[in-house]
Protein backbone atom coordinates (compact mmCIF):
# COMPACT_ATOMS: atom_id res chain seq x y z
CA MET A 1 -51.75 40.27 1.24
CA THR A 2 -49.05 42.39 -0.52
CA THR A 3 -45.58 43.10 1.09
CA GLU A 4 -43.89 46.48 0.86
CA TYR A 5 -40.35 44.98 0.84
CA LEU A 6 -38.31 42.70 -0.51
CA GLU A 7 -36.37 40.05 1.28
CA PHE A 8 -33.03 38.73 0.79
CA ARG A 9 -31.33 35.99 2.78
CA THR A 10 -27.67 36.96 3.47
CA LYS A 11 -26.60 33.97 5.18
CA TYR A 12 -27.39 30.72 2.93
CA ILE A 13 -25.80 26.88 2.45
CA LYS A 14 -25.82 25.85 -0.85
CA GLY A 15 -24.28 22.80 -3.00
CA PHE A 16 -21.28 21.09 -1.19
CA ALA A 17 -21.64 22.81 1.78
CA MET A 18 -25.41 21.70 2.35
CA ILE A 19 -24.17 18.20 1.12
CA ALA A 20 -21.59 18.18 3.51
CA LEU A 21 -23.61 19.44 6.55
CA THR A 22 -26.14 16.82 6.02
CA VAL A 23 -23.82 13.93 5.79
CA LEU A 24 -22.38 15.33 9.42
CA ALA A 25 -25.73 15.33 10.86
CA ALA A 26 -26.63 11.62 9.44
CA SER A 27 -23.12 10.65 10.84
CA VAL A 28 -23.37 12.07 14.42
CA SER A 29 -27.06 10.85 14.65
CA ALA A 30 -25.88 7.45 13.55
CA LEU A 31 -22.78 7.34 15.93
CA SER A 32 -25.26 8.67 18.64
CA ILE A 33 -27.80 5.62 17.87
CA TRP A 34 -24.65 3.19 17.92
CA MET A 35 -22.89 4.31 21.12
CA ILE A 36 -26.75 4.47 22.62
CA THR A 37 -26.55 0.65 22.13
CA LEU A 38 -23.04 -0.05 23.01
CA ALA A 39 -23.59 1.48 26.80
CA PRO A 40 -27.27 2.28 27.60
CA SER A 41 -26.65 4.98 30.50
CA ILE A 42 -28.20 8.28 30.84
CA TRP A 43 -24.74 10.22 30.32
CA VAL A 44 -23.84 8.53 27.17
CA ILE A 45 -27.61 9.36 25.68
CA LEU A 46 -27.07 12.96 26.66
CA ILE A 47 -23.59 13.43 25.65
CA PHE A 48 -24.26 11.90 22.00
CA ILE A 49 -27.88 13.31 21.24
CA MET A 50 -26.92 16.61 22.04
CA PRO A 51 -25.09 17.34 18.82
CA SER A 52 -28.03 15.62 16.98
CA LEU A 53 -30.41 18.00 19.12
CA TYR A 54 -28.36 21.44 18.15
CA LEU A 55 -28.51 21.05 14.16
CA PRO A 56 -32.51 22.21 13.96
CA PHE A 57 -31.53 25.19 15.85
CA PHE A 58 -28.49 25.76 13.76
CA VAL A 59 -30.60 25.63 10.50
CA ALA A 60 -33.17 27.63 12.15
CA PHE A 61 -30.33 30.82 13.07
CA ILE A 62 -29.11 30.56 9.30
CA ARG A 63 -32.85 30.52 8.00
CA ALA A 64 -33.76 33.90 10.03
CA SER A 65 -31.06 36.08 8.66
CA LYS A 66 -32.62 38.26 6.43
CA VAL A 67 -32.28 41.62 4.89
CA ARG A 68 -35.47 43.53 3.71
CA LEU A 69 -35.33 46.60 1.13
CA GLY A 70 -38.31 48.89 1.84
CA PRO A 71 -39.14 51.85 -0.41
CA ASP A 72 -36.95 53.96 1.67
CA TYR A 73 -35.23 51.84 4.18
CA VAL A 74 -33.00 48.96 4.82
CA GLU A 75 -33.75 46.77 7.95
CA THR A 76 -31.58 43.83 8.77
CA VAL A 77 -33.47 40.68 10.63
CA SER A 78 -31.49 38.24 12.60
CA PHE A 79 -32.44 35.31 15.05
CA PHE A 80 -32.51 38.22 18.12
CA VAL A 81 -32.14 41.45 16.68
CA LYS A 82 -33.77 43.95 14.28
CA LYS A 83 -32.35 47.00 13.10
CA LYS A 84 -33.44 49.64 10.33
CA ILE A 85 -31.87 52.42 9.02
CA TYR A 86 -33.34 55.26 6.46
CA LEU A 87 -31.92 55.40 3.23
CA LYS A 88 -31.82 59.52 3.44
CA ASP A 89 -30.18 58.99 6.88
CA VAL A 90 -27.28 57.12 5.17
CA ASN A 91 -23.57 58.97 5.04
CA LYS A 92 -21.39 55.80 4.14
CA PHE A 93 -22.29 52.80 2.32
CA GLY A 94 -19.61 50.01 0.82
CA ILE A 95 -18.35 46.62 1.37
CA PHE A 96 -15.45 45.73 4.00
CA PHE A 97 -13.32 42.43 4.93
CA ARG A 98 -12.18 41.76 8.36
CA GLY A 99 -9.26 39.54 8.02
CA ARG A 100 -7.29 38.03 10.88
CA SER A 101 -3.64 38.99 9.79
CA PHE A 102 -3.99 42.44 8.15
CA GLY A 103 -6.90 43.82 9.99
CA THR A 104 -10.37 45.46 8.48
CA LYS A 105 -10.11 46.73 4.68
CA LEU A 106 -12.26 48.73 2.70
CA ILE A 107 -13.29 47.10 -0.65
CA SER A 108 -13.06 49.70 -3.83
CA GLN A 109 -15.94 49.85 -6.27
CA LYS A 110 -13.41 48.66 -8.92
CA LYS A 111 -12.37 45.50 -7.19
CA ILE A 112 -16.22 44.77 -6.51
CA ASP A 113 -17.03 45.32 -10.25
CA GLU A 114 -14.24 43.07 -11.34
CA SER A 115 -14.94 40.30 -8.76
CA SER A 116 -17.56 37.21 -8.90
CA ASP A 117 -19.89 36.50 -5.73
CA ASP A 118 -17.30 33.72 -5.01
CA GLU A 119 -14.43 35.69 -4.39
CA LEU A 120 -16.31 38.42 -2.29
CA LEU A 121 -17.35 35.36 0.18
CA GLY A 122 -17.06 36.57 3.55
CA HIS A 123 -17.44 40.26 2.72
CA VAL A 124 -19.56 42.33 4.51
CA ILE A 125 -22.13 45.28 3.23
CA TYR A 126 -22.49 48.44 5.60
CA LEU A 127 -24.42 51.01 6.02
CA THR A 128 -23.86 54.02 8.51
CA THR A 129 -25.53 57.36 9.48
CA ASN A 130 -21.95 58.34 10.87
CA HIS A 131 -19.77 60.50 8.43
CA GLU A 132 -16.80 58.02 9.02
CA PHE A 133 -17.46 54.28 9.42
CA ASP A 134 -14.98 52.77 12.23
CA LEU A 135 -14.34 49.79 10.80
CA ASP A 136 -11.85 48.73 14.12
CA CYS A 137 -15.28 49.43 16.66
CA PHE A 138 -17.13 46.19 17.55
CA ARG A 139 -20.36 47.91 17.59
CA PRO A 140 -20.54 51.13 15.58
CA LEU A 141 -23.33 53.44 16.22
CA LYS A 142 -26.73 53.96 13.92
CA HIS A 143 -25.33 51.27 11.47
CA VAL A 144 -26.56 48.16 9.57
CA ARG A 145 -24.31 45.63 8.17
CA PHE A 146 -24.86 42.01 6.56
CA HIS A 147 -22.95 39.36 4.52
CA TYR A 148 -22.45 40.38 0.73
CA ARG A 149 -24.91 39.31 -2.01
CA ARG A 150 -24.23 40.85 -5.40
CA GLU A 151 -27.68 41.31 -6.38
CA LEU A 152 -28.54 43.36 -3.10
CA TYR A 153 -25.45 45.47 -2.92
CA LEU A 154 -26.35 46.83 -6.76
CA ARG A 155 -30.16 46.89 -5.37
CA ILE A 156 -29.09 49.44 -2.54
CA LYS A 157 -26.56 51.37 -4.22
CA GLU A 158 -29.25 52.19 -7.05
CA MET A 159 -31.90 53.19 -4.26
CA ILE A 160 -29.12 55.58 -2.50
CA GLU A 161 -27.95 56.72 -6.10
CA GLN A 162 -31.69 57.57 -6.86
CA ILE A 163 -32.34 59.05 -3.22
CA GLU A 164 -29.22 61.38 -3.97
CA ARG A 165 -30.79 62.62 -7.15
CA THR A 166 -33.99 62.97 -5.81
CA PRO A 167 -33.34 66.19 -3.49
CA SER A 168 -31.03 67.59 -5.93
CA THR A 169 -33.65 68.09 -8.64
CA GLN A 170 -36.33 69.43 -5.99
CA GLN A 171 -33.86 72.25 -5.20
CA LYS A 172 -33.75 73.47 -8.78
CA LEU A 173 -37.33 73.28 -9.53
């Protein structure tokens, strides 16, 4: 069976963060077992087992976050929501960062080209059908946004440029 789209994971845990998460989960589990043996009460068991039980749900939530690139669309898939936007309808495309102290800020193409993936950690790619993207709005209409990854950004940029070139060549013919 062939897939008609490419799939990218946007939220991912790698390197030191994965090791730290594993050590944390093991420590919480060990502490829970130790506390259960010290005080065999049902309330102690429930309180100390709950953090250990949430870990699989946390990992499933992270692994469920994906972006699918079809021939003419971008689709975001998360644990609860699936949103699709067709590239021919996209009016604005770019990267922004929502900071606590200075608010939301658009990132220029020059800074994107000069930066590495680690420097753009926490940035978000957005595509919208609106003529202006309202960065201060919590849920703007007809948009998709997802965590930045360089290869994903470059592929979407290439697809949008290809779609923009295609109608102009057809009009000339």
